[in-house]
Amino acid sequence: MKTIAFFNNKGGVGKTSLVYHLAWMFGELERRVVAVDLDPQANLSGMFLDESRLSELWTRQDKKTIDGDIAPLFEGTGDIADCPHLERVTDRIGLLASDLALSRREDELSAQWPKCLDGDTRAFRVTTAFARLIARAGRIFEAELALVDVGPNLGAMNRAALIASDYVVVPLAPDLFSLQGLRNVGPTLKTWRHAWKERVRNKPRDLQIHLPAGDMEPLGYIIMRHAIRLDRPVRAFARWIEQIPGEYTKSVMGEEHVPSTQHDDDGNRLAHLKDYRSLMPMAQEANKPMFMLKPADGVIGAHQRAVQSCYGDFRNLARDIIKRLDKNK
């Protein structure tokens, strides 16, 4: 199973919606996928599940969320769950759900990080809790892919989530803030990658757990149009879009020589998704992806064409991701 994190230091770029729709599209392409919600805000979980089901998962004594699955380890009474709770959304889509309580684990993840350098066994167990949970869920579900949604910060929780990831996709909005996010994300990934490998060299000899490689290999970026403000002229966004290839090459890929590549020809660009804001309210009401909306959901006329276009965009994106993963085998 390949694990892909969707990460940007800039929030509000449509990242969670992207993960949600890609999970459904991979299912359409007959790929088994686990969607992993490692953002304590639990927005991805809320897109997959209705409020009554979420409430049930959160309020059970044996809480059926990621936080419930890792609680014994963080509370000193055991390790992560042998059999993580996986919500079976469809036959091909499973969900590791989140909840607000997950944010309480940030301090412990931060405290255990430096202890890995001392070869502390518990420090390694805590730091790899997410990685091991995702791997176990993937084996149970026989998944080919895990798609990880994380919050827009550079904290210890996201570091643990990224260590669990083989690849990283960066969603971007066409604005200054996303460009600055690239300048933060690239060096941070490099630092975390090297720091984790240094810690792995200090692992205890008797440690009986599998440690993730922590490669965090950049898979590409996706320009999201969800965040476009209607009060700004199109040329303002074009100006930022044209700067993305060079900034991504420099900050994320770590290449000193930055070619003068147009974004349409940039090999690092996975997609430039259109703005489907008119479909989102209907998709939320119907509790389904935008590209699966039907006339019964209120889709008529121009909306039908938008649904077809949306389906094609996400199908092409999912196929491109699969192609890149296959190429990197």
C-alpha atoms as a PDB file:
ATOM      1  CA  MET A   1       0.000   0.000   0.000  1.00  0.00           C
ATOM      2  CA  LYS A   2       1.192   3.488  -0.870  1.00  0.00           C
ATOM      3  CA  THR A   3       0.420   6.318   1.531  1.00  0.00           C
ATOM      4  CA  ILE A   4      -0.089   9.839   0.169  1.00  0.00           C
ATOM      5  CA  ALA A   5      -0.393  12.899   2.396  1.00  0.00           C
ATOM      6  CA  PHE A   6      -2.118  16.041   1.135  1.00  0.00           C
ATOM      7  CA  PHE A   7      -0.359  18.897   2.841  1.00  0.00           C
ATOM      8  CA  ASN A   8       0.010  22.642   2.661  1.00  0.00           C
ATOM      9  CA  ASN A   9       0.933  25.170   5.316  1.00  0.00           C
ATOM     10  CA  LYS A  10      -1.829  27.382   3.870  1.00  0.00           C
ATOM     11  CA  GLY A  11      -5.414  26.514   4.827  1.00  0.00           C
ATOM     12  CA  GLY A  12      -8.557  27.122   2.824  1.00  0.00           C
ATOM     13  CA  VAL A  13      -7.313  25.669  -0.462  1.00  0.00           C
ATOM     14  CA  GLY A  14      -9.923  22.892  -0.739  1.00  0.00           C
ATOM     15  CA  LYS A  15      -7.573  20.159   0.521  1.00  0.00           C
ATOM     16  CA  THR A  16     -10.176  18.130   2.406  1.00  0.00           C
ATOM     17  CA  SER A  17     -12.644  18.240  -0.477  1.00  0.00           C
ATOM     18  CA  LEU A  18      -9.821  17.094  -2.756  1.00  0.00           C
ATOM     19  CA  VAL A  19      -9.047  14.043  -0.594  1.00  0.00           C
ATOM     20  CA  TYR A  20     -12.739  13.191  -0.342  1.00  0.00           C
ATOM     21  CA  HIS A  21     -13.336  13.343  -4.081  1.00  0.00           C
ATOM     22  CA  LEU A  22     -10.138  11.468  -4.925  1.00  0.00           C
ATOM     23  CA  ALA A  23     -11.089   8.653  -2.553  1.00  0.00           C
ATOM     24  CA  TRP A  24     -14.402   8.269  -4.391  1.00  0.00           C
ATOM     25  CA  MET A  25     -12.717   8.464  -7.785  1.00  0.00           C
ATOM     26  CA  PHE A  26     -10.133   5.828  -6.899  1.00  0.00           C
ATOM     27  CA  GLY A  27     -13.073   3.665  -5.880  1.00  0.00           C
ATOM     28  CA  GLU A  28     -14.636   4.347  -9.283  1.00  0.00           C
ATOM     29  CA  LEU A  29     -11.373   3.151 -10.841  1.00  0.00           C
ATOM     30  CA  GLU A  30     -11.643  -0.070  -8.809  1.00  0.00           C
ATOM     31  CA  ARG A  31      -8.840   0.807  -6.412  1.00  0.00           C
ATOM     32  CA  ARG A  32      -9.258   0.007  -2.729  1.00  0.00           C
ATOM     33  CA  VAL A  33      -8.433   3.044  -0.635  1.00  0.00           C
ATOM     34  CA  VAL A  34      -8.311   4.073   3.016  1.00  0.00           C
ATOM     35  CA  ALA A  35      -9.074   7.733   3.707  1.00  0.00           C
ATOM     36  CA  VAL A  36      -7.237   8.854   6.855  1.00  0.00           C
ATOM     37  CA  ASP A  37      -8.465  11.922   8.730  1.00  0.00           C
ATOM     38  CA  LEU A  38      -5.538  13.222  10.787  1.00  0.00           C
ATOM     39  CA  ASP A  39      -6.946  16.714  11.157  1.00  0.00           C
ATOM     40  CA  PRO A  40      -8.580  17.099  14.596  1.00  0.00           C
ATOM     41  CA  GLN A  41     -11.209  19.347  13.004  1.00  0.00           C
ATOM     42  CA  ALA A  42     -12.577  16.105  11.472  1.00  0.00           C
ATOM     43  CA  ASN A  43     -13.885  17.814   8.334  1.00  0.00           C
ATOM     44  CA  LEU A  44     -13.051  14.814   6.140  1.00  0.00           C
ATOM     45  CA  SER A  45     -14.910  12.508   8.515  1.00  0.00           C
ATOM     46  CA  GLY A  46     -17.862  14.897   8.350  1.00  0.00           C
ATOM     47  CA  MET A  47     -17.902  14.699   4.558  1.00  0.00           C
ATOM     48  CA  PHE A  48     -18.074  10.902   4.573  1.00  0.00           C
ATOM     49  CA  LEU A  49     -20.415  10.419   7.534  1.00  0.00           C
ATOM     50  CA  ASP A  50     -23.586  12.119   8.727  1.00  0.00           C
ATOM     51  CA  GLU A  51     -23.731  13.776  12.137  1.00  0.00           C
ATOM     52  CA  SER A  52     -25.611  10.948  13.819  1.00  0.00           C
ATOM     53  CA  ARG A  53     -22.949   8.418  12.836  1.00  0.00           C
ATOM     54  CA  LEU A  54     -20.138  10.758  13.858  1.00  0.00           C
ATOM     55  CA  SER A  55     -21.790  11.337  17.228  1.00  0.00           C
ATOM     56  CA  GLU A  56     -22.053   7.593  17.720  1.00  0.00           C
ATOM     57  CA  LEU A  57     -18.355   7.084  16.942  1.00  0.00           C
ATOM     58  CA  TRP A  58     -17.282   9.912  19.240  1.00  0.00           C
ATOM     59  CA  THR A  59     -19.451   9.139  22.288  1.00  0.00           C
ATOM     60  CA  ARG A  60     -19.047   5.378  22.592  1.00  0.00           C
ATOM     61  CA  GLN A  61     -17.073   4.224  25.616  1.00  0.00           C
ATOM     62  CA  ASP A  62     -14.755   2.412  23.200  1.00  0.00           C
ATOM     63  CA  LYS A  63     -14.448   5.434  20.896  1.00  0.00           C
ATOM     64  CA  LYS A  64     -14.243   4.341  17.256  1.00  0.00           C
ATOM     65  CA  THR A  65     -11.851   6.989  15.968  1.00  0.00           C
ATOM     66  CA  ILE A  66      -8.123   7.351  15.402  1.00  0.00           C
ATOM     67  CA  ASP A  67      -7.832   8.915  18.849  1.00  0.00           C
ATOM     68  CA  GLY A  68      -9.628   5.955  20.390  1.00  0.00           C
ATOM     69  CA  ASP A  69      -7.321   3.546  18.572  1.00  0.00           C
ATOM     70  CA  ILE A  70      -4.135   5.219  19.850  1.00  0.00           C
ATOM     71  CA  ALA A  71      -5.403   6.142  23.346  1.00  0.00           C
ATOM     72  CA  PRO A  72      -3.947   3.091  25.177  1.00  0.00           C
ATOM     73  CA  LEU A  73      -0.451   3.966  23.944  1.00  0.00           C
ATOM     74  CA  PHE A  74      -0.677   7.661  24.795  1.00  0.00           C
ATOM     75  CA  GLU A  75      -2.253   6.953  28.178  1.00  0.00           C
ATOM     76  CA  GLY A  76       0.340   4.343  29.113  1.00  0.00           C
ATOM     77  CA  THR A  77      -1.962   1.320  29.250  1.00  0.00           C
ATOM     78  CA  GLY A  78      -0.942  -0.497  26.064  1.00  0.00           C
ATOM     79  CA  ASP A  79      -0.214   0.062  22.396  1.00  0.00           C
ATOM     80  CA  ILE A  80      -2.292   1.086  19.378  1.00  0.00           C
ATOM     81  CA  ALA A  81      -5.291  -1.059  18.482  1.00  0.00           C
ATOM     82  CA  ASP A  82      -4.502  -4.393  16.843  1.00  0.00           C
ATOM     83  CA  CYS A  83      -7.613  -3.958  14.726  1.00  0.00           C
ATOM     84  CA  PRO A  84      -8.273  -0.241  14.073  1.00  0.00           C
ATOM     85  CA  HIS A  85     -11.884   0.736  13.567  1.00  0.00           C
ATOM     86  CA  LEU A  86     -12.449   1.296   9.870  1.00  0.00           C
ATOM     87  CA  GLU A  87     -15.703   2.791   8.646  1.00  0.00           C
ATOM     88  CA  ARG A  88     -16.607   0.977   5.433  1.00  0.00           C
ATOM     89  CA  VAL A  89     -18.011   3.750   3.279  1.00  0.00           C
ATOM     90  CA  THR A  90     -18.262   1.435   0.259  1.00  0.00           C
ATOM     91  CA  ASP A  91     -16.726  -1.894  -0.690  1.00  0.00           C
ATOM     92  CA  ARG A  92     -13.668   0.016  -1.930  1.00  0.00           C
ATOM     93  CA  ILE A  93     -13.487   2.995   0.474  1.00  0.00           C
ATOM     94  CA  GLY A  94     -12.614   2.755   4.146  1.00  0.00           C
ATOM     95  CA  LEU A  95     -12.304   5.660   6.591  1.00  0.00           C
ATOM     96  CA  LEU A  96     -10.177   6.139   9.675  1.00  0.00           C
ATOM     97  CA  ALA A  97     -12.263   8.833  11.351  1.00  0.00           C
ATOM     98  CA  SER A  98     -11.019  11.742  13.444  1.00  0.00           C
ATOM     99  CA  ASP A  99     -12.416  13.779  16.322  1.00  0.00           C
ATOM    100  CA  LEU A 100     -11.479  16.923  18.223  1.00  0.00           C
ATOM    101  CA  ALA A 101      -9.869  14.905  21.026  1.00  0.00           C
ATOM    102  CA  LEU A 102      -7.002  14.042  18.689  1.00  0.00           C
ATOM    103  CA  SER A 103      -5.577  17.522  19.245  1.00  0.00           C
ATOM    104  CA  ARG A 104      -4.715  16.504  22.817  1.00  0.00           C
ATOM    105  CA  ARG A 105      -1.973  14.219  21.474  1.00  0.00           C
ATOM    106  CA  GLU A 106       0.122  17.071  20.065  1.00  0.00           C
ATOM    107  CA  ASP A 107       2.128  17.677  23.259  1.00  0.00           C
ATOM    108  CA  GLU A 108       3.022  14.017  23.724  1.00  0.00           C
ATOM    109  CA  LEU A 109       4.121  13.678  20.110  1.00  0.00           C
ATOM    110  CA  SER A 110       6.297  16.753  20.559  1.00  0.00           C
ATOM    111  CA  ALA A 111       7.794  15.486  23.829  1.00  0.00           C
ATOM    112  CA  GLN A 112       8.687  12.048  22.430  1.00  0.00           C
ATOM    113  CA  TRP A 113      10.354  13.306  19.239  1.00  0.00           C
ATOM    114  CA  PRO A 114      13.738  14.226  20.788  1.00  0.00           C
ATOM    115  CA  LYS A 115      13.728  11.053  22.908  1.00  0.00           C
ATOM    116  CA  CYS A 116      13.977   8.973  19.742  1.00  0.00           C
ATOM    117  CA  LEU A 117      17.580  10.202  19.465  1.00  0.00           C
ATOM    118  CA  ASP A 118      18.264   8.490  22.790  1.00  0.00           C
ATOM    119  CA  GLY A 119      16.899   5.194  21.497  1.00  0.00           C
ATOM    120  CA  ASP A 120      13.849   5.349  23.762  1.00  0.00           C
ATOM    121  CA  THR A 121      11.439   2.532  22.875  1.00  0.00           C
ATOM    122  CA  ARG A 122       8.257   4.340  23.872  1.00  0.00           C
ATOM    123  CA  ALA A 123       9.328   7.413  21.930  1.00  0.00           C
ATOM    124  CA  PHE A 124       9.479   5.326  18.754  1.00  0.00           C
ATOM    125  CA  ARG A 125       6.117   3.727  19.478  1.00  0.00           C
ATOM    126  CA  VAL A 126       4.449   7.102  19.980  1.00  0.00           C
ATOM    127  CA  THR A 127       6.108   8.774  16.989  1.00  0.00           C
ATOM    128  CA  THR A 128       5.086   5.920  14.680  1.00  0.00           C
ATOM    129  CA  ALA A 129       1.574   5.474  16.083  1.00  0.00           C
ATOM    130  CA  PHE A 130      -0.126   6.954  13.009  1.00  0.00           C
ATOM    131  CA  ALA A 131       2.104   5.083  10.580  1.00  0.00           C
ATOM    132  CA  ARG A 132       1.442   1.752  12.254  1.00  0.00           C
ATOM    133  CA  LEU A 133      -2.290   2.408  12.531  1.00  0.00           C
ATOM    134  CA  ILE A 134      -2.539   3.276   8.830  1.00  0.00           C
ATOM    135  CA  ALA A 135      -0.532   0.185   7.870  1.00  0.00           C
ATOM    136  CA  ARG A 136      -2.751  -2.079   9.969  1.00  0.00           C
ATOM    137  CA  ALA A 137      -5.932  -0.576   8.556  1.00  0.00           C
ATOM    138  CA  GLY A 138      -4.539  -0.983   5.043  1.00  0.00           C
ATOM    139  CA  ARG A 139      -3.807  -4.671   5.596  1.00  0.00           C
ATOM    140  CA  ILE A 140      -7.261  -5.298   7.039  1.00  0.00           C
ATOM    141  CA  PHE A 141      -8.970  -3.523   4.146  1.00  0.00           C
ATOM    142  CA  GLU A 142      -6.531  -4.889   1.556  1.00  0.00           C
ATOM    143  CA  ALA A 143      -6.087  -1.339   0.320  1.00  0.00           C
ATOM    144  CA  GLU A 144      -3.774  -0.205  -2.452  1.00  0.00           C
ATOM    145  CA  LEU A 145      -3.750   3.422  -1.342  1.00  0.00           C
ATOM    146  CA  ALA A 146      -4.057   5.472   1.824  1.00  0.00           C
ATOM    147  CA  LEU A 147      -4.970   9.153   1.391  1.00  0.00           C
ATOM    148  CA  VAL A 148      -4.059  11.246   4.449  1.00  0.00           C
ATOM    149  CA  ASP A 149      -5.703  14.580   5.228  1.00  0.00           C
ATOM    150  CA  VAL A 150      -3.799  16.782   7.689  1.00  0.00           C
ATOM    151  CA  GLY A 151      -4.270  20.273   9.094  1.00  0.00           C
ATOM    152  CA  PRO A 152      -2.441  23.361   7.760  1.00  0.00           C
ATOM    153  CA  ASN A 153       0.332  23.579  10.336  1.00  0.00           C
ATOM    154  CA  LEU A 154       3.927  22.494  10.915  1.00  0.00           C
ATOM    155  CA  GLY A 155       3.388  20.906  14.323  1.00  0.00           C
ATOM    156  CA  ALA A 156       4.313  17.552  15.840  1.00  0.00           C
ATOM    157  CA  MET A 157       1.066  15.861  14.805  1.00  0.00           C
ATOM    158  CA  ASN A 158       1.583  16.675  11.144  1.00  0.00           C
ATOM    159  CA  ARG A 159       5.204  15.617  11.417  1.00  0.00           C
ATOM    160  CA  ALA A 160       4.082  12.184  12.637  1.00  0.00           C
ATOM    161  CA  ALA A 161       1.513  12.041   9.837  1.00  0.00           C
ATOM    162  CA  LEU A 162       4.073  12.944   7.183  1.00  0.00           C
ATOM    163  CA  ILE A 163       6.560  10.392   8.523  1.00  0.00           C
ATOM    164  CA  ALA A 164       3.848   7.823   7.820  1.00  0.00           C
ATOM    165  CA  SER A 165       3.634   8.939   4.191  1.00  0.00           C
ATOM    166  CA  ASP A 166       5.470   7.667   1.145  1.00  0.00           C
ATOM    167  CA  TYR A 167       4.438  10.658  -0.967  1.00  0.00           C
ATOM    168  CA  VAL A 168       3.216  14.219  -0.519  1.00  0.00           C
ATOM    169  CA  VAL A 169       0.820  16.135  -2.770  1.00  0.00           C
ATOM    170  CA  VAL A 170       0.582  19.905  -2.272  1.00  0.00           C
ATOM    171  CA  PRO A 171      -2.802  21.540  -3.015  1.00  0.00           C
ATOM    172  CA  LEU A 172      -2.481  25.237  -3.864  1.00  0.00           C
ATOM    173  CA  ALA A 173      -4.689  28.237  -4.396  1.00  0.00           C
ATOM    174  CA  PRO A 174      -3.535  30.867  -6.923  1.00  0.00           C
ATOM    175  CA  ASP A 175      -2.472  33.461  -4.369  1.00  0.00           C
ATOM    176  CA  LEU A 176       0.458  34.845  -2.418  1.00  0.00           C
ATOM    177  CA  PHE A 177      -0.380  32.813   0.676  1.00  0.00           C
ATOM    178  CA  SER A 178      -0.119  29.452  -1.078  1.00  0.00           C
ATOM    179  CA  LEU A 179       3.174  30.533  -2.623  1.00  0.00           C
ATOM    180  CA  GLN A 180       4.468  31.341   0.852  1.00  0.00           C
ATOM    181  CA  GLY A 181       3.124  27.980   1.983  1.00  0.00           C
ATOM    182  CA  LEU A 182       5.382  26.311  -0.585  1.00  0.00           C
ATOM    183  CA  ARG A 183       8.360  28.184   0.878  1.00  0.00           C
ATOM    184  CA  ASN A 184       7.489  26.726   4.284  1.00  0.00           C
ATOM    185  CA  VAL A 185       6.502  23.212   3.206  1.00  0.00           C
ATOM    186  CA  GLY A 186       9.597  22.402   1.143  1.00  0.00           C
ATOM    187  CA  PRO A 187      12.291  23.105   3.772  1.00  0.00           C
ATOM    188  CA  THR A 188      10.103  21.570   6.492  1.00  0.00           C
ATOM    189  CA  LEU A 189       9.742  18.290   4.599  1.00  0.00           C
ATOM    190  CA  LYS A 190      13.496  18.201   4.043  1.00  0.00           C
ATOM    191  CA  THR A 191      14.162  18.805   7.742  1.00  0.00           C
ATOM    192  CA  TRP A 192      11.667  16.175   8.888  1.00  0.00           C
ATOM    193  CA  ARG A 193      12.951  13.641   6.361  1.00  0.00           C
ATOM    194  CA  HIS A 194      16.550  13.982   7.512  1.00  0.00           C
ATOM    195  CA  ALA A 195      15.645  14.160  11.202  1.00  0.00           C
ATOM    196  CA  TRP A 196      13.625  10.956  10.999  1.00  0.00           C
ATOM    197  CA  LYS A 197      16.404   9.049   9.257  1.00  0.00           C
ATOM    198  CA  GLU A 198      18.782  10.205  11.998  1.00  0.00           C
ATOM    199  CA  ARG A 199      16.391   8.850  14.610  1.00  0.00           C
ATOM    200  CA  VAL A 200      15.980   5.530  12.811  1.00  0.00           C
ATOM    201  CA  ARG A 201      19.753   5.059  13.068  1.00  0.00           C
ATOM    202  CA  ASN A 202      19.342   5.272  16.859  1.00  0.00           C
ATOM    203  CA  LYS A 203      16.450   2.815  17.177  1.00  0.00           C
ATOM    204  CA  PRO A 204      16.725   0.218  19.960  1.00  0.00           C
ATOM    205  CA  ARG A 205      17.997  -3.146  18.792  1.00  0.00           C
ATOM    206  CA  ASP A 206      15.149  -4.960  20.499  1.00  0.00           C
ATOM    207  CA  LEU A 207      12.400  -2.728  19.031  1.00  0.00           C
ATOM    208  CA  GLN A 208       9.811  -5.100  17.588  1.00  0.00           C
ATOM    209  CA  ILE A 209       7.867  -2.705  15.397  1.00  0.00           C
ATOM    210  CA  HIS A 210       8.180  -1.802  11.740  1.00  0.00           C
ATOM    211  CA  LEU A 211       9.416   1.748  11.254  1.00  0.00           C
ATOM    212  CA  PRO A 212       8.189   3.751   8.250  1.00  0.00           C
ATOM    213  CA  ALA A 213      10.781   4.969   5.786  1.00  0.00           C
ATOM    214  CA  GLY A 214       9.509   8.529   6.091  1.00  0.00           C
ATOM    215  CA  ASP A 215      10.374   9.287   2.461  1.00  0.00           C
ATOM    216  CA  MET A 216       7.740  12.024   2.013  1.00  0.00           C
ATOM    217  CA  GLU A 217       8.608  12.089  -1.682  1.00  0.00           C
ATOM    218  CA  PRO A 218       7.012  15.032  -3.529  1.00  0.00           C
ATOM    219  CA  LEU A 219       4.472  13.660  -6.001  1.00  0.00           C
ATOM    220  CA  GLY A 220       3.363  16.997  -7.411  1.00  0.00           C
ATOM    221  CA  TYR A 221       1.044  19.933  -6.802  1.00  0.00           C
ATOM    222  CA  ILE A 222      -2.583  20.641  -7.644  1.00  0.00           C
ATOM    223  CA  ILE A 223      -3.907  24.132  -8.319  1.00  0.00           C
ATOM    224  CA  MET A 224      -7.314  24.438  -6.710  1.00  0.00           C
ATOM    225  CA  ARG A 225      -9.785  27.031  -7.928  1.00  0.00           C
ATOM    226  CA  HIS A 226     -12.143  26.698  -4.933  1.00  0.00           C
ATOM    227  CA  ALA A 227     -10.584  29.633  -3.112  1.00  0.00           C
ATOM    228  CA  ILE A 228     -10.761  32.184  -5.932  1.00  0.00           C
ATOM    229  CA  ARG A 229     -12.262  35.462  -4.841  1.00  0.00           C
ATOM    230  CA  LEU A 230     -14.725  36.919  -7.304  1.00  0.00           C
ATOM    231  CA  ASP A 231     -13.752  40.476  -6.422  1.00  0.00           C
ATOM    232  CA  ARG A 232     -10.275  40.101  -7.883  1.00  0.00           C
ATOM    233  CA  PRO A 233      -9.431  40.210 -11.608  1.00  0.00           C
ATOM    234  CA  VAL A 234      -8.371  37.017 -13.368  1.00  0.00           C
ATOM    235  CA  ARG A 235      -4.969  38.473 -14.271  1.00  0.00           C
ATOM    236  CA  ALA A 236      -4.109  38.701 -10.542  1.00  0.00           C
ATOM    237  CA  PHE A 237      -4.485  34.933 -10.202  1.00  0.00           C
ATOM    238  CA  ALA A 238      -2.594  34.275 -13.422  1.00  0.00           C
ATOM    239  CA  ARG A 239       0.325  36.215 -11.992  1.00  0.00           C
ATOM    240  CA  TRP A 240       0.546  33.891  -8.982  1.00  0.00           C
ATOM    241  CA  ILE A 241      -0.065  30.738 -11.028  1.00  0.00           C
ATOM    242  CA  GLU A 242       2.885  31.516 -13.283  1.00  0.00           C
ATOM    243  CA  GLN A 243       5.176  31.687 -10.246  1.00  0.00           C
ATOM    244  CA  ILE A 244       4.194  28.255  -8.909  1.00  0.00           C
ATOM    245  CA  PRO A 245       6.407  26.019 -11.141  1.00  0.00           C
ATOM    246  CA  GLY A 246       9.606  27.845 -10.198  1.00  0.00           C
ATOM    247  CA  GLU A 247       8.756  28.094  -6.507  1.00  0.00           C
ATOM    248  CA  TYR A 248       7.770  24.422  -6.292  1.00  0.00           C
ATOM    249  CA  THR A 249      10.964  23.347  -8.074  1.00  0.00           C
ATOM    250  CA  LYS A 250      13.091  25.463  -5.770  1.00  0.00           C
ATOM    251  CA  SER A 251      11.365  25.050  -2.406  1.00  0.00           C
ATOM    252  CA  VAL A 252       9.887  21.538  -2.577  1.00  0.00           C
ATOM    253  CA  MET A 253      12.117  19.724  -5.064  1.00  0.00           C
ATOM    254  CA  GLY A 254      15.227  21.447  -3.720  1.00  0.00           C
ATOM    255  CA  GLU A 255      16.658  22.167  -7.154  1.00  0.00           C
ATOM    256  CA  GLU A 256      18.853  25.217  -7.480  1.00  0.00           C
ATOM    257  CA  HIS A 257      18.381  25.595 -11.218  1.00  0.00           C
ATOM    258  CA  VAL A 258      14.809  26.745 -11.807  1.00  0.00           C
ATOM    259  CA  PRO A 259      13.709  26.421 -15.456  1.00  0.00           C
ATOM    260  CA  SER A 260      11.383  29.053 -16.898  1.00  0.00           C
ATOM    261  CA  THR A 261       8.512  26.580 -17.275  1.00  0.00           C
ATOM    262  CA  GLN A 262       4.933  27.627 -17.931  1.00  0.00           C
ATOM    263  CA  HIS A 263       2.547  26.016 -15.467  1.00  0.00           C
ATOM    264  CA  ASP A 264       0.655  24.225 -18.266  1.00  0.00           C
ATOM    265  CA  ASP A 265       3.866  22.404 -19.217  1.00  0.00           C
ATOM    266  CA  ASP A 266       5.160  21.795 -15.692  1.00  0.00           C
ATOM    267  CA  GLY A 267       5.788  18.097 -15.062  1.00  0.00           C
ATOM    268  CA  ASN A 268       5.287  18.652 -11.330  1.00  0.00           C
ATOM    269  CA  ARG A 269       1.721  19.855 -11.838  1.00  0.00           C
ATOM    270  CA  LEU A 270      -0.818  17.087 -11.315  1.00  0.00           C
ATOM    271  CA  ALA A 271      -3.892  19.138 -12.172  1.00  0.00           C
ATOM    272  CA  HIS A 272      -5.450  22.568 -12.391  1.00  0.00           C
ATOM    273  CA  LEU A 273      -8.982  21.955 -11.161  1.00  0.00           C
ATOM    274  CA  LYS A 274     -11.833  24.204 -12.176  1.00  0.00           C
ATOM    275  CA  ASP A 275     -14.130  26.017  -9.794  1.00  0.00           C
ATOM    276  CA  TYR A 276     -17.179  23.844  -9.081  1.00  0.00           C
ATOM    277  CA  ARG A 277     -18.549  26.000  -6.299  1.00  0.00           C
ATOM    278  CA  SER A 278     -22.101  25.783  -7.720  1.00  0.00           C
ATOM    279  CA  LEU A 279     -22.054  21.991  -7.285  1.00  0.00           C
ATOM    280  CA  MET A 280     -20.709  21.853  -3.729  1.00  0.00           C
ATOM    281  CA  PRO A 281     -23.919  22.849  -1.901  1.00  0.00           C
ATOM    282  CA  MET A 282     -25.861  20.188  -3.812  1.00  0.00           C
ATOM    283  CA  ALA A 283     -23.146  17.611  -3.141  1.00  0.00           C
ATOM    284  CA  GLN A 284     -23.202  18.386   0.573  1.00  0.00           C
ATOM    285  CA  GLU A 285     -26.981  18.156   0.669  1.00  0.00           C
ATOM    286  CA  ALA A 286     -26.928  14.831  -1.181  1.00  0.00           C
ATOM    287  CA  ASN A 287     -23.963  13.552   0.863  1.00  0.00           C
ATOM    288  CA  LYS A 288     -22.081  12.447  -2.228  1.00  0.00           C
ATOM    289  CA  PRO A 289     -19.201  13.664  -4.450  1.00  0.00           C
ATOM    290  CA  MET A 290     -19.909  16.449  -6.916  1.00  0.00           C
ATOM    291  CA  PHE A 291     -19.248  14.183  -9.898  1.00  0.00           C
ATOM    292  CA  MET A 292     -21.890  11.666  -8.734  1.00  0.00           C
ATOM    293  CA  LEU A 293     -24.772  14.140  -8.577  1.00  0.00           C
ATOM    294  CA  LYS A 294     -27.923  13.141 -10.495  1.00  0.00           C
ATOM    295  CA  PRO A 295     -31.014  14.997 -11.729  1.00  0.00           C
ATOM    296  CA  ALA A 296     -32.789  13.791  -8.588  1.00  0.00           C
ATOM    297  CA  ASP A 297     -30.267  15.853  -6.610  1.00  0.00           C
ATOM    298  CA  GLY A 298     -31.275  19.009  -8.497  1.00  0.00           C
ATOM    299  CA  VAL A 299     -28.710  18.785 -11.279  1.00  0.00           C
ATOM    300  CA  ILE A 300     -30.196  20.066 -14.511  1.00  0.00           C
ATOM    301  CA  GLY A 301     -29.019  22.015 -17.561  1.00  0.00           C
ATOM    302  CA  ALA A 302     -25.599  23.602 -17.118  1.00  0.00           C
ATOM    303  CA  HIS A 303     -25.135  21.767 -13.840  1.00  0.00           C
ATOM    304  CA  GLN A 304     -25.270  18.437 -15.685  1.00  0.00           C
ATOM    305  CA  ARG A 305     -22.427  19.534 -17.937  1.00  0.00           C
ATOM    306  CA  ALA A 306     -20.483  20.713 -14.894  1.00  0.00           C
ATOM    307  CA  VAL A 307     -20.931  17.293 -13.243  1.00  0.00           C
ATOM    308  CA  GLN A 308     -19.600  15.560 -16.358  1.00  0.00           C
ATOM    309  CA  SER A 309     -16.642  17.936 -16.522  1.00  0.00           C
ATOM    310  CA  CYS A 310     -15.942  17.422 -12.825  1.00  0.00           C
ATOM    311  CA  TYR A 311     -15.971  13.646 -13.295  1.00  0.00           C
ATOM    312  CA  GLY A 312     -13.473  13.932 -16.137  1.00  0.00           C
ATOM    313  CA  ASP A 313     -11.167  16.221 -14.159  1.00  0.00           C
ATOM    314  CA  PHE A 314     -10.982  13.924 -11.146  1.00  0.00           C
ATOM    315  CA  ARG A 315     -10.710  10.796 -13.279  1.00  0.00           C
ATOM    316  CA  ASN A 316      -7.723  12.279 -15.105  1.00  0.00           C
ATOM    317  CA  LEU A 317      -6.150  13.377 -11.831  1.00  0.00           C
ATOM    318  CA  ALA A 318      -6.580   9.960 -10.214  1.00  0.00           C
ATOM    319  CA  ARG A 319      -5.154   8.232 -13.290  1.00  0.00           C
ATOM    320  CA  ASP A 320      -2.158  10.578 -13.300  1.00  0.00           C
ATOM    321  CA  ILE A 321      -1.471   9.825  -9.625  1.00  0.00           C
ATOM    322  CA  ILE A 322      -1.655   6.083 -10.314  1.00  0.00           C
ATOM    323  CA  LYS A 323       0.680   6.480 -13.293  1.00  0.00           C
ATOM    324  CA  ARG A 324       3.235   8.344 -11.183  1.00  0.00           C
ATOM    325  CA  LEU A 325       3.044   5.770  -8.407  1.00  0.00           C
ATOM    326  CA  ASP A 326       3.539   2.939 -10.890  1.00  0.00           C
ATOM    327  CA  LYS A 327       6.516   4.774 -12.395  1.00  0.00           C
ATOM    328  CA  ASN A 328       8.130   5.059  -8.956  1.00  0.00           C
ATOM    329  CA  LYS A 329       7.838   1.346  -8.127  1.00  0.00           C
END
